[in-house]
mmCIF file of all heavy atoms, coordinates in Angstrom:
data_MODEL
# 
_entry.id   MODEL 
# 
loop_
_atom_site.group_PDB 
_atom_site.id 
_atom_site.type_symbol 
_atom_site.label_atom_id 
_atom_site.label_alt_id 
_atom_site.label_comp_id 
_atom_site.label_asym_id 
_atom_site.label_entity_id 
_atom_site.label_seq_id 
_atom_site.pdbx_PDB_ins_code 
_atom_site.Cartn_x 
_atom_site.Cartn_y 
_atom_site.Cartn_z 
_atom_site.occupancy 
_atom_site.B_iso_or_equiv 
_atom_site.pdbx_formal_charge 
_atom_site.auth_seq_id 
_atom_site.auth_comp_id 
_atom_site.auth_asym_id 
_atom_site.auth_atom_id 
_atom_site.pdbx_PDB_model_num 
ATOM 1   N N   . ALA A 1 1  ? -4.772  -3.849  17.297  1.00 0.00 ? 1  ALA A N   1 
ATOM 2   C CA  . ALA A 1 1  ? -3.974  -4.279  18.448  1.00 0.00 ? 1  ALA A CA  1 
ATOM 3   C C   . ALA A 1 1  ? -2.485  -4.027  18.207  1.00 0.00 ? 1  ALA A C   1 
ATOM 4   O O   . ALA A 1 1  ? -1.734  -3.745  19.147  1.00 0.00 ? 1  ALA A O   1 
ATOM 5   C CB  . ALA A 1 1  ? -4.228  -5.746  18.737  1.00 0.00 ? 1  ALA A CB  1 
ATOM 6   N N   . ARG A 1 2  ? -2.068  -4.148  16.951  1.00 0.00 ? 2  ARG A N   1 
ATOM 7   C CA  . ARG A 1 2  ? -0.653  -3.961  16.612  1.00 0.00 ? 2  ARG A CA  1 
ATOM 8   C C   . ARG A 1 2  ? -0.384  -2.606  15.967  1.00 0.00 ? 2  ARG A C   1 
ATOM 9   O O   . ARG A 1 2  ? 0.762   -2.289  15.640  1.00 0.00 ? 2  ARG A O   1 
ATOM 10  C CB  . ARG A 1 2  ? -0.176  -5.070  15.687  1.00 0.00 ? 2  ARG A CB  1 
ATOM 11  C CG  . ARG A 1 2  ? -0.215  -6.467  16.307  1.00 0.00 ? 2  ARG A CG  1 
ATOM 12  C CD  . ARG A 1 2  ? 0.494   -7.495  15.428  1.00 0.00 ? 2  ARG A CD  1 
ATOM 13  N NE  . ARG A 1 2  ? -0.097  -7.579  14.105  1.00 0.00 ? 2  ARG A NE  1 
ATOM 14  C CZ  . ARG A 1 2  ? 0.590   -7.420  12.978  1.00 0.00 ? 2  ARG A CZ  1 
ATOM 15  N NH1 . ARG A 1 2  ? 1.874   -7.138  13.000  1.00 0.00 ? 2  ARG A NH1 1 
ATOM 16  N NH2 . ARG A 1 2  ? -0.015  -7.535  11.816  1.00 0.00 ? 2  ARG A NH2 1 
ATOM 17  N N   . ASN A 1 3  ? -1.432  -1.795  15.750  1.00 0.00 ? 3  ASN A N   1 
ATOM 18  C CA  . ASN A 1 3  ? -1.292  -0.479  15.102  1.00 0.00 ? 3  ASN A CA  1 
ATOM 19  C C   . ASN A 1 3  ? -0.653  -0.606  13.722  1.00 0.00 ? 3  ASN A C   1 
ATOM 20  O O   . ASN A 1 3  ? 0.276   0.143   13.383  1.00 0.00 ? 3  ASN A O   1 
ATOM 21  C CB  . ASN A 1 3  ? -0.481  0.478   15.979  1.00 0.00 ? 3  ASN A CB  1 
ATOM 22  C CG  . ASN A 1 3  ? -1.138  0.738   17.309  1.00 0.00 ? 3  ASN A CG  1 
ATOM 23  O OD1 . ASN A 1 3  ? -2.355  0.760   17.424  1.00 0.00 ? 3  ASN A OD1 1 
ATOM 24  N ND2 . ASN A 1 3  ? -0.323  0.918   18.342  1.00 0.00 ? 3  ASN A ND2 1 
ATOM 25  N N   . THR A 1 4  ? -1.148  -1.547  12.933  1.00 0.00 ? 4  THR A N   1 
ATOM 26  C CA  . THR A 1 4  ? -0.610  -1.731  11.594  1.00 0.00 ? 4  THR A CA  1 
ATOM 27  C C   . THR A 1 4  ? -1.725  -1.642  10.552  1.00 0.00 ? 4  THR A C   1 
ATOM 28  O O   . THR A 1 4  ? -2.893  -1.899  10.851  1.00 0.00 ? 4  THR A O   1 
ATOM 29  C CB  . THR A 1 4  ? 0.091   -3.089  11.437  1.00 0.00 ? 4  THR A CB  1 
ATOM 30  O OG1 . THR A 1 4  ? -0.851  -4.127  11.706  1.00 0.00 ? 4  THR A OG1 1 
ATOM 31  C CG2 . THR A 1 4  ? 1.272   -3.217  12.382  1.00 0.00 ? 4  THR A CG2 1 
ATOM 32  N N   . ALA A 1 5  ? -1.337  -1.288  9.342   1.00 0.00 ? 5  ALA A N   1 
ATOM 33  C CA  . ALA A 1 5  ? -2.255  -1.264  8.201   1.00 0.00 ? 5  ALA A CA  1 
ATOM 34  C C   . ALA A 1 5  ? -1.517  -1.853  7.012   1.00 0.00 ? 5  ALA A C   1 
ATOM 35  O O   . ALA A 1 5  ? -0.424  -1.391  6.671   1.00 0.00 ? 5  ALA A O   1 
ATOM 36  C CB  . ALA A 1 5  ? -2.719  0.148   7.891   1.00 0.00 ? 5  ALA A CB  1 
ATOM 37  N N   . ASP A 1 6  ? -2.101  -2.859  6.407   1.00 0.00 ? 6  ASP A N   1 
ATOM 38  C CA  . ASP A 1 6  ? -1.495  -3.532  5.275   1.00 0.00 ? 6  ASP A CA  1 
ATOM 39  C C   . ASP A 1 6  ? -2.253  -3.214  3.991   1.00 0.00 ? 6  ASP A C   1 
ATOM 40  O O   . ASP A 1 6  ? -3.460  -2.962  4.014   1.00 0.00 ? 6  ASP A O   1 
ATOM 41  C CB  . ASP A 1 6  ? -1.497  -5.049  5.489   1.00 0.00 ? 6  ASP A CB  1 
ATOM 42  C CG  . ASP A 1 6  ? -0.548  -5.473  6.595   1.00 0.00 ? 6  ASP A CG  1 
ATOM 43  O OD1 . ASP A 1 6  ? 0.209   -4.620  7.099   1.00 0.00 ? 6  ASP A OD1 1 
ATOM 44  O OD2 . ASP A 1 6  ? -0.575  -6.664  6.951   1.00 0.00 ? 6  ASP A OD2 1 
ATOM 45  N N   . LEU A 1 7  ? -1.539  -3.268  2.890   1.00 0.00 ? 7  LEU A N   1 
ATOM 46  C CA  . LEU A 1 7  ? -2.146  -3.108  1.572   1.00 0.00 ? 7  LEU A CA  1 
ATOM 47  C C   . LEU A 1 7  ? -1.749  -4.315  0.732   1.00 0.00 ? 7  LEU A C   1 
ATOM 48  O O   . LEU A 1 7  ? -0.580  -4.441  0.336   1.00 0.00 ? 7  LEU A O   1 
ATOM 49  C CB  . LEU A 1 7  ? -1.685  -1.819  0.906   1.00 0.00 ? 7  LEU A CB  1 
ATOM 50  C CG  . LEU A 1 7  ? -2.361  -1.504  -0.430  1.00 0.00 ? 7  LEU A CG  1 
ATOM 51  C CD1 . LEU A 1 7  ? -3.845  -1.164  -0.214  1.00 0.00 ? 7  LEU A CD1 1 
ATOM 52  C CD2 . LEU A 1 7  ? -1.662  -0.344  -1.136  1.00 0.00 ? 7  LEU A CD2 1 
ATOM 53  N N   . GLN A 1 8  ? -2.691  -5.200  0.504   1.00 0.00 ? 8  GLN A N   1 
ATOM 54  C CA  . GLN A 1 8  ? -2.461  -6.360  -0.354  1.00 0.00 ? 8  GLN A CA  1 
ATOM 55  C C   . GLN A 1 8  ? -2.754  -5.949  -1.784  1.00 0.00 ? 8  GLN A C   1 
ATOM 56  O O   . GLN A 1 8  ? -3.871  -5.506  -2.092  1.00 0.00 ? 8  GLN A O   1 
ATOM 57  C CB  . GLN A 1 8  ? -3.364  -7.520  0.055   1.00 0.00 ? 8  GLN A CB  1 
ATOM 58  C CG  . GLN A 1 8  ? -3.249  -8.741  -0.837  1.00 0.00 ? 8  GLN A CG  1 
ATOM 59  C CD  . GLN A 1 8  ? -1.889  -9.394  -0.752  1.00 0.00 ? 8  GLN A CD  1 
ATOM 60  O OE1 . GLN A 1 8  ? -1.314  -9.519  0.323   1.00 0.00 ? 8  GLN A OE1 1 
ATOM 61  N NE2 . GLN A 1 8  ? -1.349  -9.807  -1.895  1.00 0.00 ? 8  GLN A NE2 1 
ATOM 62  N N   . MET A 1 9  ? -1.764  -6.087  -2.639  1.00 0.00 ? 9  MET A N   1 
ATOM 63  C CA  . MET A 1 9  ? -1.901  -5.657  -4.029  1.00 0.00 ? 9  MET A CA  1 
ATOM 64  C C   . MET A 1 9  ? -1.768  -6.860  -4.945  1.00 0.00 ? 9  MET A C   1 
ATOM 65  O O   . MET A 1 9  ? -0.713  -7.505  -4.982  1.00 0.00 ? 9  MET A O   1 
ATOM 66  C CB  . MET A 1 9  ? -0.824  -4.612  -4.356  1.00 0.00 ? 9  MET A CB  1 
ATOM 67  C CG  . MET A 1 9  ? -0.831  -3.418  -3.422  1.00 0.00 ? 9  MET A CG  1 
ATOM 68  S SD  . MET A 1 9  ? 0.341   -2.133  -3.884  1.00 0.00 ? 9  MET A SD  1 
ATOM 69  C CE  . MET A 1 9  ? 1.891   -2.992  -3.653  1.00 0.00 ? 9  MET A CE  1 
ATOM 70  N N   . ASN A 1 10 ? -2.834  -7.176  -5.654  1.00 0.00 ? 10 ASN A N   1 
ATOM 71  C CA  . ASN A 1 10 ? -2.854  -8.306  -6.584  1.00 0.00 ? 10 ASN A CA  1 
ATOM 72  C C   . ASN A 1 10 ? -3.024  -7.816  -8.016  1.00 0.00 ? 10 ASN A C   1 
ATOM 73  O O   . ASN A 1 10 ? -3.463  -6.688  -8.248  1.00 0.00 ? 10 ASN A O   1 
ATOM 74  C CB  . ASN A 1 10 ? -4.007  -9.252  -6.229  1.00 0.00 ? 10 ASN A CB  1 
ATOM 75  C CG  . ASN A 1 10 ? -3.864  -9.854  -4.851  1.00 0.00 ? 10 ASN A CG  1 
ATOM 76  O OD1 . ASN A 1 10 ? -2.766  -10.087 -4.351  1.00 0.00 ? 10 ASN A OD1 1 
ATOM 77  N ND2 . ASN A 1 10 ? -4.988  -10.109 -4.208  1.00 0.00 ? 10 ASN A ND2 1 
ATOM 78  N N   . ASN A 1 11 ? -2.694  -8.680  -8.960  1.00 0.00 ? 11 ASN A N   1 
ATOM 79  C CA  . ASN A 1 11 ? -2.827  -8.349  -10.379 1.00 0.00 ? 11 ASN A CA  1 
ATOM 80  C C   . ASN A 1 11 ? -2.209  -6.980  -10.681 1.00 0.00 ? 11 ASN A C   1 
ATOM 81  O O   . ASN A 1 11 ? -2.839  -6.120  -11.302 1.00 0.00 ? 11 ASN A O   1 
ATOM 82  C CB  . ASN A 1 11 ? -4.296  -8.376  -10.802 1.00 0.00 ? 11 ASN A CB  1 
ATOM 83  C CG  . ASN A 1 11 ? -4.477  -8.275  -12.300 1.00 0.00 ? 11 ASN A CG  1 
ATOM 84  O OD1 . ASN A 1 11 ? -3.564  -8.568  -13.072 1.00 0.00 ? 11 ASN A OD1 1 
ATOM 85  N ND2 . ASN A 1 11 ? -5.649  -7.831  -12.719 1.00 0.00 ? 11 ASN A ND2 1 
ATOM 86  N N   . LEU A 1 12 ? -0.988  -6.801  -10.247 1.00 0.00 ? 12 LEU A N   1 
ATOM 87  C CA  . LEU A 1 12 ? -0.325  -5.508  -10.406 1.00 0.00 ? 12 LEU A CA  1 
ATOM 88  C C   . LEU A 1 12 ? -0.060  -5.190  -11.862 1.00 0.00 ? 12 LEU A C   1 
ATOM 89  O O   . LEU A 1 12 ? 0.204   -6.095  -12.679 1.00 0.00 ? 12 LEU A O   1 
ATOM 90  C CB  . LEU A 1 12 ? 0.978   -5.488  -9.609  1.00 0.00 ? 12 LEU A CB  1 
ATOM 91  C CG  . LEU A 1 12 ? 0.783   -5.286  -8.106  1.00 0.00 ? 12 LEU A CG  1 
ATOM 92  C CD1 . LEU A 1 12 ? 1.999   -5.746  -7.322  1.00 0.00 ? 12 LEU A CD1 1 
ATOM 93  C CD2 . LEU A 1 12 ? 0.489   -3.819  -7.809  1.00 0.00 ? 12 LEU A CD2 1 
ATOM 94  N N   . LYS A 1 13 ? -0.148  -3.909  -12.175 1.00 0.00 ? 13 LYS A N   1 
ATOM 95  C CA  . LYS A 1 13 ? 0.037   -3.424  -13.534 1.00 0.00 ? 13 LYS A CA  1 
ATOM 96  C C   . LYS A 1 13 ? 1.210   -2.426  -13.552 1.00 0.00 ? 13 LYS A C   1 
ATOM 97  O O   . LYS A 1 13 ? 1.514   -1.815  -12.527 1.00 0.00 ? 13 LYS A O   1 
ATOM 98  C CB  . LYS A 1 13 ? -1.234  -2.731  -14.012 1.00 0.00 ? 13 LYS A CB  1 
ATOM 99  C CG  . LYS A 1 13 ? -2.470  -3.600  -13.944 1.00 0.00 ? 13 LYS A CG  1 
ATOM 100 C CD  . LYS A 1 13 ? -3.715  -2.833  -14.344 1.00 0.00 ? 13 LYS A CD  1 
ATOM 101 C CE  . LYS A 1 13 ? -4.955  -3.716  -14.273 1.00 0.00 ? 13 LYS A CE  1 
ATOM 102 N NZ  . LYS A 1 13 ? -6.171  -2.980  -14.681 1.00 0.00 ? 13 LYS A NZ  1 
ATOM 103 N N   . PRO A 1 14 ? 1.826   -2.246  -14.711 1.00 0.00 ? 14 PRO A N   1 
ATOM 104 C CA  . PRO A 1 14 ? 2.935   -1.270  -14.789 1.00 0.00 ? 14 PRO A CA  1 
ATOM 105 C C   . PRO A 1 14 ? 2.538   0.113   -14.282 1.00 0.00 ? 14 PRO A C   1 
ATOM 106 O O   . PRO A 1 14 ? 3.370   0.813   -13.688 1.00 0.00 ? 14 PRO A O   1 
ATOM 107 C CB  . PRO A 1 14 ? 3.274   -1.266  -16.274 1.00 0.00 ? 14 PRO A CB  1 
ATOM 108 C CG  . PRO A 1 14 ? 2.915   -2.649  -16.748 1.00 0.00 ? 14 PRO A CG  1 
ATOM 109 C CD  . PRO A 1 14 ? 1.673   -3.008  -15.975 1.00 0.00 ? 14 PRO A CD  1 
ATOM 110 N N   . GLU A 1 15 ? 1.289   0.487   -14.475 1.00 0.00 ? 15 GLU A N   1 
ATOM 111 C CA  . GLU A 1 15 ? 0.844   1.818   -14.031 1.00 0.00 ? 15 GLU A CA  1 
ATOM 112 C C   . GLU A 1 15 ? 0.713   1.917   -12.520 1.00 0.00 ? 15 GLU A C   1 
ATOM 113 O O   . GLU A 1 15 ? 0.454   3.007   -11.998 1.00 0.00 ? 15 GLU A O   1 
ATOM 114 C CB  . GLU A 1 15 ? -0.482  2.208   -14.703 1.00 0.00 ? 15 GLU A CB  1 
ATOM 115 C CG  . GLU A 1 15 ? -1.576  1.179   -14.597 1.00 0.00 ? 15 GLU A CG  1 
ATOM 116 C CD  . GLU A 1 15 ? -1.652  0.291   -15.835 1.00 0.00 ? 15 GLU A CD  1 
ATOM 117 O OE1 . GLU A 1 15 ? -0.596  -0.108  -16.365 1.00 0.00 ? 15 GLU A OE1 1 
ATOM 118 O OE2 . GLU A 1 15 ? -2.797  -0.032  -16.238 1.00 0.00 ? 15 GLU A OE2 1 
ATOM 119 N N   . ASP A 1 16 ? 0.877   0.816   -11.806 1.00 0.00 ? 16 ASP A N   1 
ATOM 120 C CA  . ASP A 1 16 ? 0.903   0.850   -10.345 1.00 0.00 ? 16 ASP A CA  1 
ATOM 121 C C   . ASP A 1 16 ? 2.292   1.213   -9.813  1.00 0.00 ? 16 ASP A C   1 
ATOM 122 O O   . ASP A 1 16 ? 2.457   1.396   -8.599  1.00 0.00 ? 16 ASP A O   1 
ATOM 123 C CB  . ASP A 1 16 ? 0.491   -0.503  -9.763  1.00 0.00 ? 16 ASP A CB  1 
ATOM 124 C CG  . ASP A 1 16 ? -0.951  -0.861  -10.076 1.00 0.00 ? 16 ASP A CG  1 
ATOM 125 O OD1 . ASP A 1 16 ? -1.824  0.018   -9.972  1.00 0.00 ? 16 ASP A OD1 1 
ATOM 126 O OD2 . ASP A 1 16 ? -1.205  -2.029  -10.414 1.00 0.00 ? 16 ASP A OD2 1 
ATOM 127 N N   . THR A 1 17 ? 3.261   1.295   -10.705 1.00 0.00 ? 17 THR A N   1 
ATOM 128 C CA  . THR A 1 17 ? 4.614   1.641   -10.290 1.00 0.00 ? 17 THR A CA  1 
ATOM 129 C C   . THR A 1 17 ? 4.642   3.036   -9.680  1.00 0.00 ? 17 THR A C   1 
ATOM 130 O O   . THR A 1 17 ? 4.172   4.002   -10.284 1.00 0.00 ? 17 THR A O   1 
ATOM 131 C CB  . THR A 1 17 ? 5.568   1.588   -11.492 1.00 0.00 ? 17 THR A CB  1 
ATOM 132 O OG1 . THR A 1 17 ? 5.657   0.240   -11.959 1.00 0.00 ? 17 THR A OG1 1 
ATOM 133 C CG2 . THR A 1 17 ? 6.953   2.087   -11.113 1.00 0.00 ? 17 THR A CG2 1 
ATOM 134 N N   . ALA A 1 18 ? 5.172   3.114   -8.464  1.00 0.00 ? 18 ALA A N   1 
ATOM 135 C CA  . ALA A 1 18 ? 5.202   4.389   -7.737  1.00 0.00 ? 18 ALA A CA  1 
ATOM 136 C C   . ALA A 1 18 ? 5.903   4.176   -6.402  1.00 0.00 ? 18 ALA A C   1 
ATOM 137 O O   . ALA A 1 18 ? 6.161   3.035   -5.999  1.00 0.00 ? 18 ALA A O   1 
ATOM 138 C CB  . ALA A 1 18 ? 3.789   4.909   -7.491  1.00 0.00 ? 18 ALA A CB  1 
ATOM 139 N N   . VAL A 1 19 ? 6.160   5.282   -5.726  1.00 0.00 ? 19 VAL A N   1 
ATOM 140 C CA  . VAL A 1 19 ? 6.543   5.211   -4.324  1.00 0.00 ? 19 VAL A CA  1 
ATOM 141 C C   . VAL A 1 19 ? 5.248   5.246   -3.518  1.00 0.00 ? 19 VAL A C   1 
ATOM 142 O O   . VAL A 1 19 ? 4.412   6.133   -3.713  1.00 0.00 ? 19 VAL A O   1 
ATOM 143 C CB  . VAL A 1 19 ? 7.459   6.385   -3.919  1.00 0.00 ? 19 VAL A CB  1 
ATOM 144 C CG1 . VAL A 1 19 ? 7.787   6.310   -2.432  1.00 0.00 ? 19 VAL A CG1 1 
ATOM 145 C CG2 . VAL A 1 19 ? 8.744   6.362   -4.745  1.00 0.00 ? 19 VAL A CG2 1 
ATOM 146 N N   . TYR A 1 20 ? 5.083   4.280   -2.654  1.00 0.00 ? 20 TYR A N   1 
ATOM 147 C CA  . TYR A 1 20 ? 3.870   4.173   -1.848  1.00 0.00 ? 20 TYR A CA  1 
ATOM 148 C C   . TYR A 1 20 ? 4.170   4.697   -0.445  1.00 0.00 ? 20 TYR A C   1 
ATOM 149 O O   . TYR A 1 20 ? 5.168   4.312   0.179   1.00 0.00 ? 20 TYR A O   1 
ATOM 150 C CB  . TYR A 1 20 ? 3.396   2.725   -1.796  1.00 0.00 ? 20 TYR A CB  1 
ATOM 151 C CG  . TYR A 1 20 ? 2.701   2.304   -3.062  1.00 0.00 ? 20 TYR A CG  1 
ATOM 152 C CD1 . TYR A 1 20 ? 3.415   2.132   -4.248  1.00 0.00 ? 20 TYR A CD1 1 
ATOM 153 C CD2 . TYR A 1 20 ? 1.319   2.096   -3.097  1.00 0.00 ? 20 TYR A CD2 1 
ATOM 154 C CE1 . TYR A 1 20 ? 2.782   1.766   -5.429  1.00 0.00 ? 20 TYR A CE1 1 
ATOM 155 C CE2 . TYR A 1 20 ? 0.678   1.727   -4.264  1.00 0.00 ? 20 TYR A CE2 1 
ATOM 156 C CZ  . TYR A 1 20 ? 1.411   1.571   -5.424  1.00 0.00 ? 20 TYR A CZ  1 
ATOM 157 O OH  . TYR A 1 20 ? 0.773   1.216   -6.589  1.00 0.00 ? 20 TYR A OH  1 
ATOM 158 N N   . TYR A 1 21 ? 3.267   5.550   0.029   1.00 0.00 ? 21 TYR A N   1 
ATOM 159 C CA  . TYR A 1 21 ? 3.432   6.183   1.338   1.00 0.00 ? 21 TYR A CA  1 
ATOM 160 C C   . TYR A 1 21 ? 2.280   5.819   2.265   1.00 0.00 ? 21 TYR A C   1 
ATOM 161 O O   . TYR A 1 21 ? 1.115   5.846   1.861   1.00 0.00 ? 21 TYR A O   1 
ATOM 162 C CB  . TYR A 1 21 ? 3.456   7.696   1.195   1.00 0.00 ? 21 TYR A CB  1 
ATOM 163 C CG  . TYR A 1 21 ? 4.616   8.249   0.406   1.00 0.00 ? 21 TYR A CG  1 
ATOM 164 C CD1 . TYR A 1 21 ? 4.520   8.427   -0.963  1.00 0.00 ? 21 TYR A CD1 1 
ATOM 165 C CD2 . TYR A 1 21 ? 5.802   8.600   1.041   1.00 0.00 ? 21 TYR A CD2 1 
ATOM 166 C CE1 . TYR A 1 21 ? 5.584   8.937   -1.696  1.00 0.00 ? 21 TYR A CE1 1 
ATOM 167 C CE2 . TYR A 1 21 ? 6.874   9.121   0.327   1.00 0.00 ? 21 TYR A CE2 1 
ATOM 168 C CZ  . TYR A 1 21 ? 6.752   9.282   -1.042  1.00 0.00 ? 21 TYR A CZ  1 
ATOM 169 O OH  . TYR A 1 21 ? 7.808   9.784   -1.759  1.00 0.00 ? 21 TYR A OH  1 
ATOM 170 N N   . CYS A 1 22 ? 2.625   5.536   3.488   1.00 0.00 ? 22 CYS A N   1 
ATOM 171 C CA  . CYS A 1 22 ? 1.627   5.356   4.530   1.00 0.00 ? 22 CYS A CA  1 
ATOM 172 C C   . CYS A 1 22 ? 1.295   6.724   5.110   1.00 0.00 ? 22 CYS A C   1 
ATOM 173 O O   . CYS A 1 22 ? 2.195   7.569   5.298   1.00 0.00 ? 22 CYS A O   1 
ATOM 174 C CB  . CYS A 1 22 ? 2.167   4.437   5.616   1.00 0.00 ? 22 CYS A CB  1 
ATOM 175 S SG  . CYS A 1 22 ? 0.997   4.086   6.938   1.00 0.00 ? 22 CYS A SG  1 
ATOM 176 N N   . TYR A 1 23 ? 0.020   6.936   5.390   1.00 0.00 ? 23 TYR A N   1 
ATOM 177 C CA  . TYR A 1 23 ? -0.466  8.217   5.916   1.00 0.00 ? 23 TYR A CA  1 
ATOM 178 C C   . TYR A 1 23 ? -1.410  7.926   7.068   1.00 0.00 ? 23 TYR A C   1 
ATOM 179 O O   . TYR A 1 23 ? -2.255  7.034   6.976   1.00 0.00 ? 23 TYR A O   1 
ATOM 180 C CB  . TYR A 1 23 ? -1.194  8.958   4.796   1.00 0.00 ? 23 TYR A CB  1 
ATOM 181 C CG  . TYR A 1 23 ? -1.992  10.167  5.223   1.00 0.00 ? 23 TYR A CG  1 
ATOM 182 C CD1 . TYR A 1 23 ? -1.410  11.425  5.272   1.00 0.00 ? 23 TYR A CD1 1 
ATOM 183 C CD2 . TYR A 1 23 ? -3.334  10.049  5.534   1.00 0.00 ? 23 TYR A CD2 1 
ATOM 184 C CE1 . TYR A 1 23 ? -2.147  12.535  5.629   1.00 0.00 ? 23 TYR A CE1 1 
ATOM 185 C CE2 . TYR A 1 23 ? -4.079  11.148  5.896   1.00 0.00 ? 23 TYR A CE2 1 
ATOM 186 C CZ  . TYR A 1 23 ? -3.484  12.394  5.940   1.00 0.00 ? 23 TYR A CZ  1 
ATOM 187 O OH  . TYR A 1 23 ? -4.214  13.500  6.294   1.00 0.00 ? 23 TYR A OH  1 
ATOM 188 N N   . GLY A 1 24 ? -1.252  8.666   8.152   1.00 0.00 ? 24 GLY A N   1 
ATOM 189 C CA  . GLY A 1 24 ? -2.132  8.484   9.293   1.00 0.00 ? 24 GLY A CA  1 
ATOM 190 C C   . GLY A 1 24 ? -2.734  9.802   9.750   1.00 0.00 ? 24 GLY A C   1 
ATOM 191 O O   . GLY A 1 24 ? -2.108  10.851  9.618   1.00 0.00 ? 24 GLY A O   1 
ATOM 192 N N   . ARG A 1 25 ? -3.946  9.705   10.255  1.00 0.00 ? 25 ARG A N   1 
ATOM 193 C CA  . ARG A 1 25 ? -4.616  10.908  10.768  1.00 0.00 ? 25 ARG A CA  1 
ATOM 194 C C   . ARG A 1 25 ? -5.221  10.606  12.130  1.00 0.00 ? 25 ARG A C   1 
ATOM 195 O O   . ARG A 1 25 ? -5.889  9.584   12.300  1.00 0.00 ? 25 ARG A O   1 
ATOM 196 C CB  . ARG A 1 25 ? -5.700  11.380  9.805   1.00 0.00 ? 25 ARG A CB  1 
ATOM 197 C CG  . ARG A 1 25 ? -6.360  12.703  10.209  1.00 0.00 ? 25 ARG A CG  1 
ATOM 198 C CD  . ARG A 1 25 ? -7.295  13.183  9.118   1.00 0.00 ? 25 ARG A CD  1 
ATOM 199 N NE  . ARG A 1 25 ? -8.457  12.335  8.972   1.00 0.00 ? 25 ARG A NE  1 
ATOM 200 C CZ  . ARG A 1 25 ? -9.564  12.445  9.694   1.00 0.00 ? 25 ARG A CZ  1 
ATOM 201 N NH1 . ARG A 1 25 ? -9.641  13.375  10.646  1.00 0.00 ? 25 ARG A NH1 1 
ATOM 202 N NH2 . ARG A 1 25 ? -10.592 11.648  9.478   1.00 0.00 ? 25 ARG A NH2 1 
# 
């Protein structure tokens, strides 16, 4: 309804460090 997509990230680790990009198709 709102055209949104969320990413809940728990128990984050140093190797998760990055630039995160949203992608749509």
